[in-house]
Amino acid sequence: MAHFAKISESNEVLQVVYMDDKDTENQDGVEIESEGQYHLEKHNHWPQHLWIKCSYRTRDGKHYENDGVTESSDQSKALRKNYAEAGGTYDAARDAFIPPKPFASWVLNATTCIYEPPVTYPDDGKYYVWNEDTTSWDELT
């Protein structure tokens, strides 16, 4: 099953759709992104260049197995840094999907294309929530 992000002219991810593999394959059964883009343009009346393939098994620049925890032995399957999500963006220069920025103080990690807090999450086994007003982690009690 192939997944494609529908993006705006300003590269905002508007939605993510999935489609049958047969709609993305050429006559030899090889999956080709442009085949899926053509199919989506034809049936959704949205320009072909604004459909970008994504992988729901890719995050932080790594590809994961079906369990979502185990890194795949074939990292060539990692596609565009992260799975696309509505409200996020597609960065053509990085060829990467970037999720929405969760807080103003968080900074984009250029390697993973994920926003990270300016303060590391505490590693003491307790649970915390981000406090944007103090730019710190508050313990949940």
N, C-alpha and C. Protein backbone atom coordinates (compact mmCIF):
# COMPACT_ATOMS: atom_id res chain seq x y z
N MET A 1 0.84 -1.16 0.00
CA MET A 1 0.00 0.00 0.00
C MET A 1 0.90 1.24 0.00
N ALA A 2 0.63 2.14 -0.89
CA ALA A 2 1.42 3.36 -1.02
C ALA A 2 0.70 4.53 -0.35
N HIS A 3 1.48 5.42 0.24
CA HIS A 3 0.95 6.61 0.89
C HIS A 3 1.51 7.85 0.19
N PHE A 4 0.64 8.82 -0.03
CA PHE A 4 1.04 10.07 -0.67
C PHE A 4 0.49 11.24 0.12
N ALA A 5 1.31 12.29 0.23
CA ALA A 5 0.88 13.53 0.87
C ALA A 5 0.44 14.50 -0.22
N LYS A 6 -0.70 15.10 0.00
CA LYS A 6 -1.19 16.17 -0.86
C LYS A 6 -0.68 17.47 -0.25
N ILE A 7 0.11 18.21 -1.01
CA ILE A 7 0.67 19.45 -0.47
C ILE A 7 0.17 20.66 -1.25
N SER A 8 0.20 21.80 -0.58
CA SER A 8 -0.20 23.05 -1.21
C SER A 8 0.99 23.63 -1.98
N GLU A 9 0.74 24.69 -2.72
CA GLU A 9 1.82 25.38 -3.44
C GLU A 9 2.88 25.92 -2.49
N SER A 10 2.49 26.15 -1.22
CA SER A 10 3.46 26.64 -0.23
C SER A 10 4.06 25.49 0.59
N ASN A 11 3.86 24.26 0.12
CA ASN A 11 4.45 23.05 0.71
C ASN A 11 3.85 22.63 2.04
N GLU A 12 2.67 23.11 2.37
CA GLU A 12 1.98 22.62 3.57
C GLU A 12 1.32 21.29 3.25
N VAL A 13 1.43 20.33 4.15
CA VAL A 13 0.76 19.04 3.97
C VAL A 13 -0.71 19.24 4.29
N LEU A 14 -1.56 18.97 3.31
CA LEU A 14 -3.00 19.15 3.47
C LEU A 14 -3.67 17.87 3.94
N GLN A 15 -3.22 16.75 3.43
CA GLN A 15 -3.76 15.46 3.83
C GLN A 15 -2.83 14.37 3.33
N VAL A 16 -3.02 13.17 3.88
CA VAL A 16 -2.27 12.00 3.44
C VAL A 16 -3.29 10.96 2.99
N VAL A 17 -3.06 10.38 1.84
CA VAL A 17 -3.96 9.35 1.31
C VAL A 17 -3.16 8.08 1.05
N TYR A 18 -3.86 6.97 1.03
CA TYR A 18 -3.20 5.72 0.65
C TYR A 18 -3.92 5.16 -0.56
N MET A 19 -3.17 4.39 -1.28
CA MET A 19 -3.73 3.83 -2.50
C MET A 19 -3.17 2.43 -2.73
N ASP A 20 -3.87 1.68 -3.52
CA ASP A 20 -3.46 0.32 -3.84
C ASP A 20 -2.15 0.34 -4.62
N ASP A 21 -1.28 -0.60 -4.33
CA ASP A 21 0.01 -0.66 -5.02
C ASP A 21 -0.13 -0.73 -6.53
N LYS A 22 -1.20 -1.36 -7.01
CA LYS A 22 -1.37 -1.49 -8.47
C LYS A 22 -1.46 -0.13 -9.16
N ASP A 23 -1.87 0.90 -8.41
CA ASP A 23 -1.97 2.24 -8.99
C ASP A 23 -0.65 2.98 -8.99
N THR A 24 0.39 2.39 -8.42
CA THR A 24 1.71 3.03 -8.38
C THR A 24 2.75 2.24 -9.15
N GLU A 25 2.35 1.13 -9.73
CA GLU A 25 3.31 0.27 -10.41
C GLU A 25 3.26 0.46 -11.93
N ASN A 26 4.41 0.25 -12.54
CA ASN A 26 4.45 0.26 -14.01
C ASN A 26 4.03 -1.12 -14.52
N GLN A 27 4.08 -1.34 -15.81
CA GLN A 27 3.61 -2.59 -16.39
C GLN A 27 4.45 -3.79 -15.96
N ASP A 28 5.63 -3.56 -15.42
CA ASP A 28 6.49 -4.65 -14.95
C ASP A 28 6.30 -4.93 -13.46
N GLY A 29 5.36 -4.23 -12.82
CA GLY A 29 5.10 -4.45 -11.40
C GLY A 29 6.05 -3.73 -10.47
N VAL A 30 6.84 -2.79 -11.00
CA VAL A 30 7.78 -2.02 -10.20
C VAL A 30 7.09 -0.75 -9.74
N GLU A 31 7.15 -0.49 -8.41
CA GLU A 31 6.51 0.71 -7.88
C GLU A 31 7.28 1.96 -8.30
N ILE A 32 6.57 2.92 -8.87
CA ILE A 32 7.17 4.15 -9.36
C ILE A 32 6.33 5.32 -8.85
N GLU A 33 6.99 6.25 -8.18
CA GLU A 33 6.28 7.38 -7.59
C GLU A 33 5.46 8.15 -8.62
N SER A 34 6.02 8.38 -9.79
CA SER A 34 5.32 9.17 -10.80
C SER A 34 4.03 8.49 -11.28
N GLU A 35 3.98 7.17 -11.23
CA GLU A 35 2.75 6.45 -11.60
C GLU A 35 1.65 6.78 -10.60
N GLY A 36 1.99 6.76 -9.31
CA GLY A 36 1.02 7.12 -8.28
C GLY A 36 0.59 8.57 -8.40
N GLN A 37 1.55 9.46 -8.68
CA GLN A 37 1.24 10.87 -8.83
C GLN A 37 0.28 11.09 -10.00
N TYR A 38 0.53 10.40 -11.10
CA TYR A 38 -0.34 10.51 -12.27
C TYR A 38 -1.75 10.05 -11.92
N HIS A 39 -1.85 8.91 -11.26
CA HIS A 39 -3.16 8.37 -10.88
C HIS A 39 -3.91 9.36 -9.97
N LEU A 40 -3.21 9.91 -8.99
CA LEU A 40 -3.84 10.84 -8.06
C LEU A 40 -4.30 12.13 -8.75
N GLU A 41 -3.48 12.64 -9.67
CA GLU A 41 -3.89 13.84 -10.41
C GLU A 41 -5.13 13.55 -11.25
N LYS A 42 -5.12 12.42 -11.90
CA LYS A 42 -6.23 12.04 -12.78
C LYS A 42 -7.54 11.90 -12.01
N HIS A 43 -7.47 11.31 -10.82
CA HIS A 43 -8.70 11.02 -10.07
C HIS A 43 -9.05 12.06 -9.01
N ASN A 44 -8.13 12.96 -8.68
CA ASN A 44 -8.39 13.95 -7.64
C ASN A 44 -8.29 15.38 -8.14
N HIS A 45 -7.89 15.54 -9.39
CA HIS A 45 -7.80 16.87 -9.99
C HIS A 45 -6.91 17.81 -9.18
N TRP A 46 -5.79 17.27 -8.72
CA TRP A 46 -4.79 18.05 -7.98
C TRP A 46 -3.48 17.83 -8.72
N PRO A 47 -2.72 18.89 -9.00
CA PRO A 47 -1.52 18.77 -9.83
C PRO A 47 -0.57 17.66 -9.37
N GLN A 48 -0.08 16.93 -10.33
CA GLN A 48 0.78 15.78 -10.09
C GLN A 48 1.99 16.11 -9.21
N HIS A 49 2.60 17.28 -9.42
CA HIS A 49 3.80 17.62 -8.65
C HIS A 49 3.51 17.96 -7.19
N LEU A 50 2.21 18.03 -6.84
CA LEU A 50 1.84 18.33 -5.46
C LEU A 50 1.38 17.08 -4.70
N TRP A 51 1.72 15.92 -5.23
CA TRP A 51 1.52 14.65 -4.53
C TRP A 51 2.92 14.08 -4.28
N ILE A 52 3.28 13.89 -3.01
CA ILE A 52 4.61 13.41 -2.67
C ILE A 52 4.48 12.11 -1.89
N LYS A 53 5.19 11.09 -2.34
CA LYS A 53 5.13 9.79 -1.67
C LYS A 53 5.77 9.87 -0.29
N CYS A 54 5.17 9.15 0.66
CA CYS A 54 5.73 9.10 2.02
C CYS A 54 5.61 7.67 2.56
N SER A 55 6.30 7.41 3.64
CA SER A 55 6.30 6.08 4.24
C SER A 55 5.90 6.17 5.71
N TYR A 56 4.84 5.45 6.08
CA TYR A 56 4.40 5.48 7.48
C TYR A 56 5.36 4.74 8.40
N ARG A 57 6.33 4.05 7.83
CA ARG A 57 7.33 3.36 8.64
C ARG A 57 8.62 4.16 8.79
N THR A 58 8.62 5.40 8.34
CA THR A 58 9.82 6.24 8.44
C THR A 58 9.58 7.36 9.45
N ARG A 59 10.53 7.51 10.37
CA ARG A 59 10.52 8.64 11.30
C ARG A 59 11.96 8.90 11.73
N ASP A 60 12.25 10.15 11.98
CA ASP A 60 13.60 10.57 12.39
C ASP A 60 14.67 10.13 11.40
N GLY A 61 14.30 9.98 10.14
CA GLY A 61 15.26 9.59 9.12
C GLY A 61 15.57 8.10 9.08
N LYS A 62 14.82 7.29 9.84
CA LYS A 62 15.06 5.84 9.89
C LYS A 62 13.80 5.08 9.50
N HIS A 63 14.01 3.92 8.93
CA HIS A 63 12.89 3.05 8.56
C HIS A 63 12.74 1.98 9.63
N TYR A 64 11.48 1.67 9.99
CA TYR A 64 11.19 0.70 11.05
C TYR A 64 10.36 -0.46 10.51
N GLU A 65 10.47 -1.59 11.18
CA GLU A 65 9.68 -2.77 10.84
C GLU A 65 8.22 -2.52 11.22
N ASN A 66 7.37 -3.51 10.95
CA ASN A 66 5.93 -3.37 11.23
C ASN A 66 5.62 -3.05 12.68
N ASP A 67 6.48 -3.49 13.61
CA ASP A 67 6.21 -3.23 15.02
C ASP A 67 6.42 -1.78 15.41
N GLY A 68 7.05 -0.99 14.53
CA GLY A 68 7.28 0.43 14.79
C GLY A 68 8.39 0.71 15.78
N VAL A 69 9.05 -0.34 16.27
CA VAL A 69 10.10 -0.20 17.27
C VAL A 69 11.45 -0.64 16.73
N THR A 70 11.46 -1.75 16.02
CA THR A 70 12.69 -2.34 15.50
C THR A 70 13.12 -1.63 14.22
N GLU A 71 14.36 -1.14 14.20
CA GLU A 71 14.87 -0.53 12.98
C GLU A 71 15.01 -1.58 11.89
N SER A 72 14.60 -1.23 10.70
CA SER A 72 14.71 -2.12 9.56
C SER A 72 16.16 -2.38 9.21
N SER A 73 16.45 -3.59 8.77
CA SER A 73 17.82 -3.91 8.35
C SER A 73 18.15 -3.24 7.02
N ASP A 74 17.11 -2.83 6.28
CA ASP A 74 17.31 -2.16 5.00
C ASP A 74 16.92 -0.68 5.13
N GLN A 75 17.88 0.15 5.50
CA GLN A 75 17.60 1.57 5.69
C GLN A 75 17.43 2.33 4.39
N SER A 76 17.62 1.67 3.25
CA SER A 76 17.34 2.34 1.98
C SER A 76 15.83 2.58 1.82
N LYS A 77 15.03 1.93 2.64
CA LYS A 77 13.58 2.12 2.61
C LYS A 77 13.14 3.40 3.32
N ALA A 78 14.04 4.01 4.10
CA ALA A 78 13.69 5.27 4.78
C ALA A 78 13.36 6.32 3.72
N LEU A 79 12.21 6.94 3.84
CA LEU A 79 11.75 7.85 2.80
C LEU A 79 11.39 9.20 3.39
N ARG A 80 12.11 10.21 3.00
CA ARG A 80 11.80 11.61 3.30
C ARG A 80 11.72 11.93 4.79
N LYS A 81 12.62 11.33 5.55
CA LYS A 81 12.86 11.61 6.97
C LYS A 81 11.73 11.23 7.92
N ASN A 82 10.47 11.56 7.56
CA ASN A 82 9.33 11.33 8.44
C ASN A 82 8.08 11.07 7.63
N TYR A 83 7.12 10.43 8.26
CA TYR A 83 5.82 10.27 7.64
C TYR A 83 5.15 11.64 7.61
N ALA A 84 4.49 11.95 6.54
CA ALA A 84 3.82 13.24 6.42
C ALA A 84 2.60 13.30 7.34
N GLU A 85 2.30 14.50 7.82
CA GLU A 85 1.09 14.69 8.61
C GLU A 85 0.48 16.05 8.28
N ALA A 86 -0.84 16.08 8.27
CA ALA A 86 -1.55 17.33 7.96
C ALA A 86 -1.08 18.43 8.90
N GLY A 87 -0.83 19.59 8.33
CA GLY A 87 -0.34 20.73 9.10
C GLY A 87 1.17 20.84 9.10
N GLY A 88 1.84 19.76 8.71
CA GLY A 88 3.29 19.80 8.59
C GLY A 88 3.68 20.39 7.25
N THR A 89 4.94 20.27 6.90
CA THR A 89 5.42 20.81 5.62
C THR A 89 6.31 19.80 4.91
N TYR A 90 6.47 20.03 3.62
CA TYR A 90 7.42 19.27 2.83
C TYR A 90 8.54 20.24 2.46
N ASP A 91 9.75 19.90 2.83
CA ASP A 91 10.93 20.72 2.52
C ASP A 91 11.62 20.08 1.32
N ALA A 92 11.45 20.68 0.15
CA ALA A 92 12.01 20.11 -1.08
C ALA A 92 13.53 20.09 -1.06
N ALA A 93 14.16 21.09 -0.48
CA ALA A 93 15.62 21.14 -0.44
C ALA A 93 16.18 19.96 0.36
N ARG A 94 15.51 19.59 1.44
CA ARG A 94 15.94 18.45 2.26
C ARG A 94 15.29 17.15 1.81
N ASP A 95 14.31 17.25 0.91
CA ASP A 95 13.48 16.12 0.51
C ASP A 95 12.95 15.42 1.77
N ALA A 96 12.30 16.20 2.62
CA ALA A 96 11.87 15.71 3.92
C ALA A 96 10.52 16.29 4.34
N PHE A 97 9.75 15.45 5.04
CA PHE A 97 8.53 15.92 5.67
C PHE A 97 8.88 16.37 7.08
N ILE A 98 8.37 17.53 7.45
CA ILE A 98 8.63 18.10 8.77
C ILE A 98 7.29 18.27 9.47
N PRO A 99 7.16 17.71 10.68
CA PRO A 99 5.88 17.83 11.39
C PRO A 99 5.62 19.27 11.82
N PRO A 100 4.40 19.56 12.24
CA PRO A 100 4.12 20.91 12.75
C PRO A 100 5.00 21.20 13.97
N LYS A 101 5.39 22.45 14.12
CA LYS A 101 6.21 22.85 15.26
C LYS A 101 5.33 22.87 16.50
N PRO A 102 5.66 22.05 17.52
CA PRO A 102 4.76 21.95 18.67
C PRO A 102 4.79 23.16 19.60
N PHE A 103 5.95 23.80 19.73
CA PHE A 103 6.10 24.96 20.60
C PHE A 103 7.08 25.94 19.96
N ALA A 104 6.88 27.21 20.22
CA ALA A 104 7.72 28.25 19.62
C ALA A 104 9.19 28.09 19.98
N SER A 105 9.49 27.59 21.16
CA SER A 105 10.88 27.48 21.61
C SER A 105 11.62 26.27 21.05
N TRP A 106 10.91 25.33 20.46
CA TRP A 106 11.54 24.11 19.97
C TRP A 106 12.29 24.40 18.68
N VAL A 107 13.37 23.65 18.45
CA VAL A 107 14.27 23.88 17.33
C VAL A 107 14.30 22.66 16.41
N LEU A 108 14.36 22.91 15.12
CA LEU A 108 14.39 21.82 14.15
C LEU A 108 15.76 21.15 14.13
N ASN A 109 15.78 19.85 14.29
CA ASN A 109 17.01 19.05 14.15
C ASN A 109 17.19 18.83 12.65
N ALA A 110 18.27 19.34 12.09
CA ALA A 110 18.49 19.28 10.64
C ALA A 110 18.72 17.86 10.14
N THR A 111 19.16 16.96 11.01
CA THR A 111 19.41 15.58 10.60
C THR A 111 18.12 14.76 10.55
N THR A 112 17.32 14.86 11.60
CA THR A 112 16.09 14.06 11.69
C THR A 112 14.86 14.78 11.15
N CYS A 113 14.94 16.08 11.03
CA CYS A 113 13.81 16.93 10.61
C CYS A 113 12.65 16.82 11.59
N ILE A 114 12.99 16.73 12.87
CA ILE A 114 12.02 16.71 13.96
C ILE A 114 12.34 17.88 14.88
N TYR A 115 11.29 18.51 15.41
CA TYR A 115 11.51 19.60 16.37
C TYR A 115 11.88 19.01 17.73
N GLU A 116 12.85 19.64 18.38
CA GLU A 116 13.31 19.18 19.68
C GLU A 116 13.24 20.33 20.68
N PRO A 117 12.99 19.98 21.93
CA PRO A 117 12.94 21.01 22.97
C PRO A 117 14.33 21.57 23.26
N PRO A 118 14.40 22.81 23.74
CA PRO A 118 15.71 23.38 24.06
C PRO A 118 16.33 22.77 25.32
N VAL A 119 15.52 22.01 26.07
CA VAL A 119 15.99 21.34 27.28
C VAL A 119 15.66 19.85 27.13
N THR A 120 16.63 19.00 27.38
CA THR A 120 16.45 17.56 27.23
C THR A 120 15.43 17.02 28.23
N TYR A 121 14.63 16.09 27.78
CA TYR A 121 13.64 15.44 28.64
C TYR A 121 14.38 14.71 29.76
N PRO A 122 13.95 14.88 31.01
CA PRO A 122 14.63 14.22 32.14
C PRO A 122 14.63 12.70 32.01
N ASP A 123 15.71 12.09 32.40
CA ASP A 123 15.86 10.63 32.30
C ASP A 123 15.88 10.02 33.70
N ASP A 124 14.78 10.22 34.43
CA ASP A 124 14.73 9.72 35.80
C ASP A 124 13.55 8.79 36.04
N GLY A 125 12.90 8.36 34.94
CA GLY A 125 11.79 7.43 35.07
C GLY A 125 10.45 8.07 35.40
N LYS A 126 10.43 9.36 35.61
CA LYS A 126 9.18 10.07 35.91
C LYS A 126 8.58 10.60 34.62
N TYR A 127 7.35 11.08 34.69
CA TYR A 127 6.67 11.63 33.53
C TYR A 127 6.62 13.14 33.62
N TYR A 128 6.81 13.78 32.46
CA TYR A 128 6.87 15.24 32.41
C TYR A 128 6.05 15.76 31.24
N VAL A 129 5.67 17.02 31.35
CA VAL A 129 4.98 17.72 30.28
C VAL A 129 5.74 19.02 30.04
N TRP A 130 5.80 19.44 28.78
CA TRP A 130 6.52 20.64 28.42
C TRP A 130 5.75 21.89 28.87
N ASN A 131 6.46 22.83 29.48
CA ASN A 131 5.89 24.11 29.90
C ASN A 131 6.55 25.20 29.06
N GLU A 132 5.82 25.71 28.10
CA GLU A 132 6.37 26.71 27.18
C GLU A 132 6.66 28.03 27.88
N ASP A 133 5.87 28.37 28.90
CA ASP A 133 6.08 29.63 29.62
C ASP A 133 7.44 29.68 30.31
N THR A 134 7.87 28.55 30.85
CA THR A 134 9.15 28.50 31.56
C THR A 134 10.24 27.80 30.74
N THR A 135 9.85 27.32 29.56
CA THR A 135 10.72 26.51 28.69
C THR A 135 11.45 25.45 29.51
N SER A 136 10.65 24.65 30.20
CA SER A 136 11.19 23.56 31.01
C SER A 136 10.15 22.44 31.11
N TRP A 137 10.61 21.30 31.61
CA TRP A 137 9.73 20.16 31.82
C TRP A 137 9.13 20.20 33.21
N ASP A 138 7.81 20.09 33.31
CA ASP A 138 7.13 20.03 34.59
C ASP A 138 6.75 18.58 34.88
N GLU A 139 7.09 18.12 36.07
CA GLU A 139 6.76 16.75 36.45
C GLU A 139 5.25 16.60 36.60
N LEU A 140 4.72 15.50 36.05
CA LEU A 140 3.30 15.18 36.23
C LEU A 140 3.16 14.49 37.58
N THR A 141 2.24 14.97 38.36
CA THR A 141 2.02 14.37 39.68
C THR A 141 0.63 13.85 39.83
